[in-house]
Amino acid sequence: LSCVASGLIFSVYNMHWYHQSPGNQRELVATITND
């Protein structure tokens, strides 16, 4: 999967991936910090 960001200073942001299966809440699966 890819996620392209625009309109922000990307390098300072922590980036997260969430998963939501049918009928369930969105859950955090992976994070990569700005460092």
PDB file of all heavy atoms in Angstrom:
ATOM      1  N   LEU A   1       0.841  -1.188   0.000  1.00  0.00           N
ATOM      2  CA  LEU A   1       0.000   0.000   0.000  1.00  0.00           C
ATOM      3  C   LEU A   1       0.879   1.242   0.000  1.00  0.00           C
ATOM      4  O   LEU A   1       1.958   1.254   0.592  1.00  0.00           O
ATOM      5  CB  LEU A   1      -0.915   0.025   1.220  1.00  0.00           C
ATOM      6  CG  LEU A   1      -1.773  -1.212   1.464  1.00  0.00           C
ATOM      7  CD1 LEU A   1      -2.691  -0.974   2.679  1.00  0.00           C
ATOM      8  CD2 LEU A   1      -2.570  -1.593   0.244  1.00  0.00           C
ATOM      9  N   SER A   2       0.385   2.281  -0.646  1.00  0.00           N
ATOM     10  CA  SER A   2       1.058   3.570  -0.665  1.00  0.00           C
ATOM     11  C   SER A   2       0.099   4.646  -0.210  1.00  0.00           C
ATOM     12  O   SER A   2      -1.117   4.542  -0.418  1.00  0.00           O
ATOM     13  CB  SER A   2       1.547   3.915  -2.078  1.00  0.00           C
ATOM     14  OG  SER A   2       2.443   2.957  -2.570  1.00  0.00           O
ATOM     15  N   CYS A   3       0.645   5.668   0.385  1.00  0.00           N
ATOM     16  CA  CYS A   3      -0.145   6.836   0.800  1.00  0.00           C
ATOM     17  C   CYS A   3       0.687   8.065   0.471  1.00  0.00           C
ATOM     18  O   CYS A   3       1.747   8.281   1.060  1.00  0.00           O
ATOM     19  CB  CYS A   3      -0.455   6.760   2.280  1.00  0.00           C
ATOM     20  SG  CYS A   3      -1.203   8.256   2.976  1.00  0.00           S
ATOM     21  N   VAL A   4       0.175   8.826  -0.484  1.00  0.00           N
ATOM     22  CA  VAL A   4       0.867  10.041  -0.909  1.00  0.00           C
ATOM     23  C   VAL A   4       0.209  11.248  -0.262  1.00  0.00           C
ATOM     24  O   VAL A   4      -1.018  11.417  -0.355  1.00  0.00           O
ATOM     25  CB  VAL A   4       0.842  10.185  -2.441  1.00  0.00           C
ATOM     26  CG1 VAL A   4       1.561  11.451  -2.862  1.00  0.00           C
ATOM     27  CG2 VAL A   4       1.462   8.963  -3.099  1.00  0.00           C
ATOM     28  N   ALA A   5       1.023  12.065   0.378  1.00  0.00           N
ATOM     29  CA  ALA A   5       0.522  13.244   1.084  1.00  0.00           C
ATOM     30  C   ALA A   5       0.870  14.510   0.316  1.00  0.00           C
ATOM     31  O   ALA A   5       1.915  14.590  -0.344  1.00  0.00           O
ATOM     32  CB  ALA A   5       1.122  13.307   2.482  1.00  0.00           C
ATOM     33  N   SER A   6      -0.006  15.492   0.421  1.00  0.00           N
ATOM     34  CA  SER A   6       0.254  16.800  -0.163  1.00  0.00           C
ATOM     35  C   SER A   6      -0.339  17.863   0.736  1.00  0.00           C
ATOM     36  O   SER A   6      -1.254  17.594   1.529  1.00  0.00           O
ATOM     37  CB  SER A   6      -0.332  16.894  -1.576  1.00  0.00           C
ATOM     38  OG  SER A   6      -1.733  16.694  -1.556  1.00  0.00           O
ATOM     39  N   GLY A   7       0.200  19.079   0.619  1.00  0.00           N
ATOM     40  CA  GLY A   7      -0.329  20.183   1.397  1.00  0.00           C
ATOM     41  C   GLY A   7       0.169  20.249   2.828  1.00  0.00           C
ATOM     42  O   GLY A   7      -0.398  21.005   3.641  1.00  0.00           O
ATOM     43  N   LEU A   8       1.199  19.488   3.153  1.00  0.00           N
ATOM     44  CA  LEU A   8       1.768  19.534   4.496  1.00  0.00           C
ATOM     45  C   LEU A   8       3.272  19.281   4.404  1.00  0.00           C
ATOM     46  O   LEU A   8       3.776  18.849   3.373  1.00  0.00           O
ATOM     47  CB  LEU A   8       1.094  18.494   5.402  1.00  0.00           C
ATOM     48  CG  LEU A   8       0.960  17.031   4.949  1.00  0.00           C
ATOM     49  CD1 LEU A   8       2.280  16.281   4.943  1.00  0.00           C
ATOM     50  CD2 LEU A   8      -0.043  16.300   5.813  1.00  0.00           C
ATOM     51  N   ILE A   9       3.955  19.597   5.505  1.00  0.00           N
ATOM     52  CA  ILE A   9       5.393  19.322   5.567  1.00  0.00           C
ATOM     53  C   ILE A   9       5.544  17.879   6.028  1.00  0.00           C
ATOM     54  O   ILE A   9       5.585  17.571   7.227  1.00  0.00           O
ATOM     55  CB  ILE A   9       6.105  20.298   6.509  1.00  0.00           C
ATOM     56  CG1 ILE A   9       5.837  21.735   6.055  1.00  0.00           C
ATOM     57  CG2 ILE A   9       7.597  20.015   6.552  1.00  0.00           C
ATOM     58  CD1 ILE A   9       6.357  22.796   7.015  1.00  0.00           C
ATOM     59  N   PHE A  10       5.594  16.986   5.077  1.00  0.00           N
ATOM     60  CA  PHE A  10       5.490  15.556   5.336  1.00  0.00           C
ATOM     61  C   PHE A  10       6.522  15.067   6.356  1.00  0.00           C
ATOM     62  O   PHE A  10       6.213  14.251   7.213  1.00  0.00           O
ATOM     63  CB  PHE A  10       5.649  14.799   4.020  1.00  0.00           C
ATOM     64  CG  PHE A  10       5.521  13.304   4.132  1.00  0.00           C
ATOM     65  CD1 PHE A  10       4.276  12.706   4.266  1.00  0.00           C
ATOM     66  CD2 PHE A  10       6.651  12.499   4.108  1.00  0.00           C
ATOM     67  CE1 PHE A  10       4.147  11.333   4.368  1.00  0.00           C
ATOM     68  CE2 PHE A  10       6.543  11.123   4.209  1.00  0.00           C
ATOM     69  CZ  PHE A  10       5.284  10.531   4.336  1.00  0.00           C
ATOM     70  N   SER A  11       7.731  15.575   6.284  1.00  0.00           N
ATOM     71  CA  SER A  11       8.828  15.014   7.075  1.00  0.00           C
ATOM     72  C   SER A  11       8.620  15.179   8.576  1.00  0.00           C
ATOM     73  O   SER A  11       9.210  14.420   9.362  1.00  0.00           O
ATOM     74  CB  SER A  11      10.156  15.644   6.661  1.00  0.00           C
ATOM     75  OG  SER A  11      10.133  17.035   6.870  1.00  0.00           O
ATOM     76  N   VAL A  12       7.795  16.116   9.008  1.00  0.00           N
ATOM     77  CA  VAL A  12       7.618  16.319  10.450  1.00  0.00           C
ATOM     78  C   VAL A  12       6.490  15.468  11.025  1.00  0.00           C
ATOM     79  O   VAL A  12       6.336  15.376  12.239  1.00  0.00           O
ATOM     80  CB  VAL A  12       7.371  17.795  10.805  1.00  0.00           C
ATOM     81  CG1 VAL A  12       8.481  18.675  10.235  1.00  0.00           C
ATOM     82  CG2 VAL A  12       6.003  18.272  10.372  1.00  0.00           C
ATOM     83  N   TYR A  13       5.709  14.869  10.143  1.00  0.00           N
ATOM     84  CA  TYR A  13       4.543  14.116  10.589  1.00  0.00           C
ATOM     85  C   TYR A  13       4.888  12.671  10.923  1.00  0.00           C
ATOM     86  O   TYR A  13       5.660  12.017  10.196  1.00  0.00           O
ATOM     87  CB  TYR A  13       3.451  14.126   9.530  1.00  0.00           C
ATOM     88  CG  TYR A  13       2.637  15.390   9.513  1.00  0.00           C
ATOM     89  CD1 TYR A  13       3.159  16.570   8.978  1.00  0.00           C
ATOM     90  CD2 TYR A  13       1.362  15.426  10.056  1.00  0.00           C
ATOM     91  CE1 TYR A  13       2.424  17.736   8.991  1.00  0.00           C
ATOM     92  CE2 TYR A  13       0.609  16.586  10.060  1.00  0.00           C
ATOM     93  CZ  TYR A  13       1.152  17.747   9.521  1.00  0.00           C
ATOM     94  OH  TYR A  13       0.416  18.904   9.538  1.00  0.00           O
ATOM     95  N   ASN A  14       4.309  12.185  12.004  1.00  0.00           N
ATOM     96  CA  ASN A  14       4.252  10.761  12.245  1.00  0.00           C
ATOM     97  C   ASN A  14       3.154  10.187  11.352  1.00  0.00           C
ATOM     98  O   ASN A  14       2.085  10.790  11.214  1.00  0.00           O
ATOM     99  CB  ASN A  14       3.928  10.457  13.703  1.00  0.00           C
ATOM    100  CG  ASN A  14       4.948  11.049  14.646  1.00  0.00           C
ATOM    101  OD1 ASN A  14       6.141  10.965  14.415  1.00  0.00           O
ATOM    102  ND2 ASN A  14       4.470  11.677  15.709  1.00  0.00           N
ATOM    103  N   MET A  15       3.423   9.038  10.773  1.00  0.00           N
ATOM    104  CA  MET A  15       2.476   8.440   9.830  1.00  0.00           C
ATOM    105  C   MET A  15       1.997   7.092  10.366  1.00  0.00           C
ATOM    106  O   MET A  15       2.780   6.303  10.897  1.00  0.00           O
ATOM    107  CB  MET A  15       3.120   8.261   8.461  1.00  0.00           C
ATOM    108  CG  MET A  15       3.576   9.553   7.820  1.00  0.00           C
ATOM    109  SD  MET A  15       2.236  10.721   7.531  1.00  0.00           S
ATOM    110  CE  MET A  15       1.195   9.799   6.382  1.00  0.00           C
ATOM    111  N   HIS A  16       0.711   6.854  10.206  1.00  0.00           N
ATOM    112  CA  HIS A  16       0.080   5.665  10.760  1.00  0.00           C
ATOM    113  C   HIS A  16      -0.752   4.960   9.698  1.00  0.00           C
ATOM    114  O   HIS A  16      -1.342   5.615   8.831  1.00  0.00           O
ATOM    115  CB  HIS A  16      -0.834   6.034  11.929  1.00  0.00           C
ATOM    116  CG  HIS A  16      -0.207   6.930  12.940  1.00  0.00           C
ATOM    117  ND1 HIS A  16       0.579   6.458  13.984  1.00  0.00           N
ATOM    118  CD2 HIS A  16      -0.242   8.282  13.095  1.00  0.00           C
ATOM    119  CE1 HIS A  16       0.984   7.458  14.726  1.00  0.00           C
ATOM    120  NE2 HIS A  16       0.500   8.590  14.221  1.00  0.00           N
ATOM    121  N   TRP A  17      -0.831   3.640   9.821  1.00  0.00           N
ATOM    122  CA  TRP A  17      -1.753   2.844   9.022  1.00  0.00           C
ATOM    123  C   TRP A  17      -2.762   2.190   9.955  1.00  0.00           C
ATOM    124  O   TRP A  17      -2.390   1.600  10.973  1.00  0.00           O
ATOM    125  CB  TRP A  17      -1.019   1.753   8.247  1.00  0.00           C
ATOM    126  CG  TRP A  17      -0.269   2.244   7.054  1.00  0.00           C
ATOM    127  CD1 TRP A  17       1.072   2.503   6.974  1.00  0.00           C
ATOM    128  CD2 TRP A  17      -0.811   2.514   5.755  1.00  0.00           C
ATOM    129  NE1 TRP A  17       1.390   2.925   5.712  1.00  0.00           N
ATOM    130  CE2 TRP A  17       0.252   2.945   4.945  1.00  0.00           C
ATOM    131  CE3 TRP A  17      -2.099   2.445   5.209  1.00  0.00           C
ATOM    132  CZ2 TRP A  17       0.074   3.290   3.600  1.00  0.00           C
ATOM    133  CZ3 TRP A  17      -2.275   2.788   3.883  1.00  0.00           C
ATOM    134  CH2 TRP A  17      -1.192   3.204   3.085  1.00  0.00           C
ATOM    135  N   TYR A  18      -4.031   2.317   9.566  1.00  0.00           N
ATOM    136  CA  TYR A  18      -5.134   1.718  10.310  1.00  0.00           C
ATOM    137  C   TYR A  18      -5.848   0.698   9.424  1.00  0.00           C
ATOM    138  O   TYR A  18      -5.907   0.840   8.208  1.00  0.00           O
ATOM    139  CB  TYR A  18      -6.135   2.782  10.740  1.00  0.00           C
ATOM    140  CG  TYR A  18      -5.707   3.649  11.892  1.00  0.00           C
ATOM    141  CD1 TYR A  18      -4.771   4.670  11.720  1.00  0.00           C
ATOM    142  CD2 TYR A  18      -6.243   3.465  13.169  1.00  0.00           C
ATOM    143  CE1 TYR A  18      -4.371   5.464  12.781  1.00  0.00           C
ATOM    144  CE2 TYR A  18      -5.858   4.266  14.229  1.00  0.00           C
ATOM    145  CZ  TYR A  18      -4.933   5.270  14.028  1.00  0.00           C
ATOM    146  OH  TYR A  18      -4.547   6.062  15.080  1.00  0.00           O
ATOM    147  N   HIS A  19      -6.446  -0.273  10.098  1.00  0.00           N
ATOM    148  CA  HIS A  19      -7.243  -1.309   9.437  1.00  0.00           C
ATOM    149  C   HIS A  19      -8.640  -1.311  10.020  1.00  0.00           C
ATOM    150  O   HIS A  19      -8.800  -1.262  11.255  1.00  0.00           O
ATOM    151  CB  HIS A  19      -6.583  -2.677   9.657  1.00  0.00           C
ATOM    152  CG  HIS A  19      -7.409  -3.846   9.233  1.00  0.00           C
ATOM    153  ND1 HIS A  19      -7.596  -4.954  10.036  1.00  0.00           N
ATOM    154  CD2 HIS A  19      -8.097  -4.085   8.089  1.00  0.00           C
ATOM    155  CE1 HIS A  19      -8.359  -5.826   9.397  1.00  0.00           C
ATOM    156  NE2 HIS A  19      -8.672  -5.316   8.214  1.00  0.00           N
ATOM    157  N   GLN A  20      -9.625  -1.342   9.150  1.00  0.00           N
ATOM    158  CA  GLN A  20     -11.012  -1.455   9.611  1.00  0.00           C
ATOM    159  C   GLN A  20     -11.688  -2.576   8.850  1.00  0.00           C
ATOM    160  O   GLN A  20     -11.876  -2.503   7.628  1.00  0.00           O
ATOM    161  CB  GLN A  20     -11.770  -0.147   9.400  1.00  0.00           C
ATOM    162  CG  GLN A  20     -13.171  -0.171   9.990  1.00  0.00           C
ATOM    163  CD  GLN A  20     -13.812   1.203  10.015  1.00  0.00           C
ATOM    164  OE1 GLN A  20     -13.438   2.101   9.269  1.00  0.00           O
ATOM    165  NE2 GLN A  20     -14.767   1.389  10.902  1.00  0.00           N
ATOM    166  N   SER A  21     -12.031  -3.622   9.573  1.00  0.00           N
ATOM    167  CA  SER A  21     -12.765  -4.730   8.963  1.00  0.00           C
ATOM    168  C   SER A  21     -14.264  -4.485   9.150  1.00  0.00           C
ATOM    169  O   SER A  21     -14.664  -3.723  10.028  1.00  0.00           O
ATOM    170  CB  SER A  21     -12.347  -6.056   9.584  1.00  0.00           C
ATOM    171  OG  SER A  21     -12.485  -6.028  10.977  1.00  0.00           O
ATOM    172  N   PRO A  22     -15.082  -5.095   8.304  1.00  0.00           N
ATOM    173  CA  PRO A  22     -16.530  -4.830   8.354  1.00  0.00           C
ATOM    174  C   PRO A  22     -17.113  -5.057   9.741  1.00  0.00           C
ATOM    175  O   PRO A  22     -16.883  -6.103  10.361  1.00  0.00           O
ATOM    176  CB  PRO A  22     -17.089  -5.829   7.337  1.00  0.00           C
ATOM    177  CG  PRO A  22     -15.976  -6.045   6.373  1.00  0.00           C
ATOM    178  CD  PRO A  22     -14.722  -5.996   7.203  1.00  0.00           C
ATOM    179  N   GLY A  23     -17.845  -4.070  10.223  1.00  0.00           N
ATOM    180  CA  GLY A  23     -18.510  -4.177  11.514  1.00  0.00           C
ATOM    181  C   GLY A  23     -17.624  -3.895  12.709  1.00  0.00           C
ATOM    182  O   GLY A  23     -18.077  -4.011  13.848  1.00  0.00           O
ATOM    183  N   ASN A  24     -16.372  -3.534  12.461  1.00  0.00           N
ATOM    184  CA  ASN A  24     -15.434  -3.304  13.564  1.00  0.00           C
ATOM    185  C   ASN A  24     -14.884  -1.887  13.539  1.00  0.00           C
ATOM    186  O   ASN A  24     -15.005  -1.166  12.540  1.00  0.00           O
ATOM    187  CB  ASN A  24     -14.272  -4.302  13.484  1.00  0.00           C
ATOM    188  CG  ASN A  24     -14.724  -5.714  13.770  1.00  0.00           C
ATOM    189  OD1 ASN A  24     -15.362  -5.986  14.783  1.00  0.00           O
ATOM    190  ND2 ASN A  24     -14.404  -6.614  12.873  1.00  0.00           N
ATOM    191  N   GLN A  25     -14.274  -1.521  14.654  1.00  0.00           N
ATOM    192  CA  GLN A  25     -13.663  -0.204  14.740  1.00  0.00           C
ATOM    193  C   GLN A  25     -12.339  -0.182  13.977  1.00  0.00           C
ATOM    194  O   GLN A  25     -11.710  -1.213  13.744  1.00  0.00           O
ATOM    195  CB  GLN A  25     -13.421   0.166  16.212  1.00  0.00           C
ATOM    196  CG  GLN A  25     -14.678   0.436  16.994  1.00  0.00           C
ATOM    197  CD  GLN A  25     -14.386   0.973  18.378  1.00  0.00           C
ATOM    198  OE1 GLN A  25     -13.352   0.665  18.976  1.00  0.00           O
ATOM    199  NE2 GLN A  25     -15.274   1.784  18.911  1.00  0.00           N
ATOM    200  N   ARG A  26     -11.945   1.015  13.637  1.00  0.00           N
ATOM    201  CA  ARG A  26     -10.657   1.211  13.002  1.00  0.00           C
ATOM    202  C   ARG A  26      -9.552   0.944  14.027  1.00  0.00           C
ATOM    203  O   ARG A  26      -9.604   1.457  15.137  1.00  0.00           O
ATOM    204  CB  ARG A  26     -10.589   2.643  12.489  1.00  0.00           C
ATOM    205  CG  ARG A  26      -9.650   2.894  11.359  1.00  0.00           C
ATOM    206  CD  ARG A  26      -9.842   4.300  10.827  1.00  0.00           C
ATOM    207  NE  ARG A  26     -11.096   4.462  10.084  1.00  0.00           N
ATOM    208  CZ  ARG A  26     -11.385   5.550   9.375  1.00  0.00           C
ATOM    209  NH1 ARG A  26     -10.515   6.534   9.313  1.00  0.00           N
ATOM    210  NH2 ARG A  26     -12.533   5.619   8.732  1.00  0.00           N
ATOM    211  N   GLU A  27      -8.574   0.136  13.636  1.00  0.00           N
ATOM    212  CA  GLU A  27      -7.490  -0.228  14.544  1.00  0.00           C
ATOM    213  C   GLU A  27      -6.140   0.149  13.956  1.00  0.00           C
ATOM    214  O   GLU A  27      -5.901  -0.068  12.757  1.00  0.00           O
ATOM    215  CB  GLU A  27      -7.517  -1.734  14.828  1.00  0.00           C
ATOM    216  CG  GLU A  27      -8.752  -2.222  15.562  1.00  0.00           C
ATOM    217  CD  GLU A  27      -8.695  -3.700  15.862  1.00  0.00           C
ATOM    218  OE1 GLU A  27      -7.969  -4.440  15.173  1.00  0.00           O
ATOM    219  OE2 GLU A  27      -9.389  -4.142  16.801  1.00  0.00           O
ATOM    220  N   LEU A  28      -5.262   0.636  14.821  1.00  0.00           N
ATOM    221  CA  LEU A  28      -3.914   0.978  14.402  1.00  0.00           C
ATOM    222  C   LEU A  28      -3.114  -0.301  14.183  1.00  0.00           C
ATOM    223  O   LEU A  28      -3.076  -1.165  15.061  1.00  0.00           O
ATOM    224  CB  LEU A  28      -3.241   1.842  15.466  1.00  0.00           C
ATOM    225  CG  LEU A  28      -1.818   2.281  15.192  1.00  0.00           C
ATOM    226  CD1 LEU A  28      -1.733   3.186  13.976  1.00  0.00           C
ATOM    227  CD2 LEU A  28      -1.246   2.987  16.431  1.00  0.00           C
ATOM    228  N   VAL A  29      -2.468  -0.404  13.024  1.00  0.00           N
ATOM    229  CA  VAL A  29      -1.645  -1.584  12.751  1.00  0.00           C
ATOM    230  C   VAL A  29      -0.165  -1.266  12.618  1.00  0.00           C
ATOM    231  O   VAL A  29       0.670  -2.136  12.883  1.00  0.00           O
ATOM    232  CB  VAL A  29      -2.125  -2.364  11.503  1.00  0.00           C
ATOM    233  CG1 VAL A  29      -3.521  -2.929  11.707  1.00  0.00           C
ATOM    234  CG2 VAL A  29      -2.073  -1.508  10.245  1.00  0.00           C
ATOM    235  N   ALA A  30       0.186  -0.043  12.210  1.00  0.00           N
ATOM    236  CA  ALA A  30       1.598   0.284  12.048  1.00  0.00           C
ATOM    237  C   ALA A  30       1.796   1.791  12.122  1.00  0.00           C
ATOM    238  O   ALA A  30       0.932   2.554  11.689  1.00  0.00           O
ATOM    239  CB  ALA A  30       2.134  -0.243  10.718  1.00  0.00           C
ATOM    240  N   THR A  31       2.948   2.154  12.664  1.00  0.00           N
ATOM    241  CA  THR A  31       3.336   3.564  12.793  1.00  0.00           C
ATOM    242  C   THR A  31       4.780   3.721  12.382  1.00  0.00           C
ATOM    243  O   THR A  31       5.618   2.855  12.687  1.00  0.00           O
ATOM    244  CB  THR A  31       3.178   4.022  14.249  1.00  0.00           C
ATOM    245  OG1 THR A  31       1.794   4.064  14.589  1.00  0.00           O
ATOM    246  CG2 THR A  31       3.794   5.396  14.477  1.00  0.00           C
ATOM    247  N   ILE A  32       5.069   4.824  11.707  1.00  0.00           N
ATOM    248  CA  ILE A  32       6.457   5.228  11.494  1.00  0.00           C
ATOM    249  C   ILE A  32       6.546   6.696  11.893  1.00  0.00           C
ATOM    250  O   ILE A  32       5.785   7.532  11.397  1.00  0.00           O
ATOM    251  CB  ILE A  32       6.946   4.962  10.057  1.00  0.00           C
ATOM    252  CG1 ILE A  32       8.440   5.295   9.933  1.00  0.00           C
ATOM    253  CG2 ILE A  32       6.109   5.676   9.019  1.00  0.00           C
ATOM    254  CD1 ILE A  32       9.084   4.705   8.686  1.00  0.00           C
ATOM    255  N   THR A  33       7.447   6.977  12.806  1.00  0.00           N
ATOM    256  CA  THR A  33       7.557   8.331  13.318  1.00  0.00           C
ATOM    257  C   THR A  33       8.372   9.209  12.370  1.00  0.00           C
ATOM    258  O   THR A  33       8.949   8.741  11.383  1.00  0.00           O
ATOM    259  CB  THR A  33       8.216   8.326  14.702  1.00  0.00           C
ATOM    260  OG1 THR A  33       9.556   7.831  14.564  1.00  0.00           O
ATOM    261  CG2 THR A  33       7.441   7.450  15.677  1.00  0.00           C
ATOM    262  N   ASN A  34       8.426  10.491  12.715  1.00  0.00           N
ATOM    263  CA  ASN A  34       9.168  11.408  11.852  1.00  0.00           C
ATOM    264  C   ASN A  34      10.673  11.133  11.894  1.00  0.00           C
ATOM    265  O   ASN A  34      11.392  11.556  10.992  1.00  0.00           O
ATOM    266  CB  ASN A  34       8.860  12.856  12.196  1.00  0.00           C
ATOM    267  CG  ASN A  34       9.065  13.187  13.659  1.00  0.00           C
ATOM    268  OD1 ASN A  34       9.684  12.433  14.401  1.00  0.00           O
ATOM    269  ND2 ASN A  34       8.516  14.308  14.084  1.00  0.00           N
ATOM    270  N   ASP A  35      11.129  10.427  12.926  1.00  0.00           N
ATOM    271  CA  ASP A  35      12.539  10.028  12.944  1.00  0.00           C
ATOM    272  C   ASP A  35      12.701   8.535  12.647  1.00  0.00           C
ATOM    273  O   ASP A  35      13.715   7.927  13.009  1.00  0.00           O
ATOM    274  CB  ASP A  35      13.205  10.397  14.273  1.00  0.00           C
ATOM    275  CG  ASP A  35      12.572   9.700  15.458  1.00  0.00           C
ATOM    276  OD1 ASP A  35      11.564   8.988  15.281  1.00  0.00           O
ATOM    277  OD2 ASP A  35      13.089   9.854  16.581  1.00  0.00           O
TER     278      ASP A  35
END
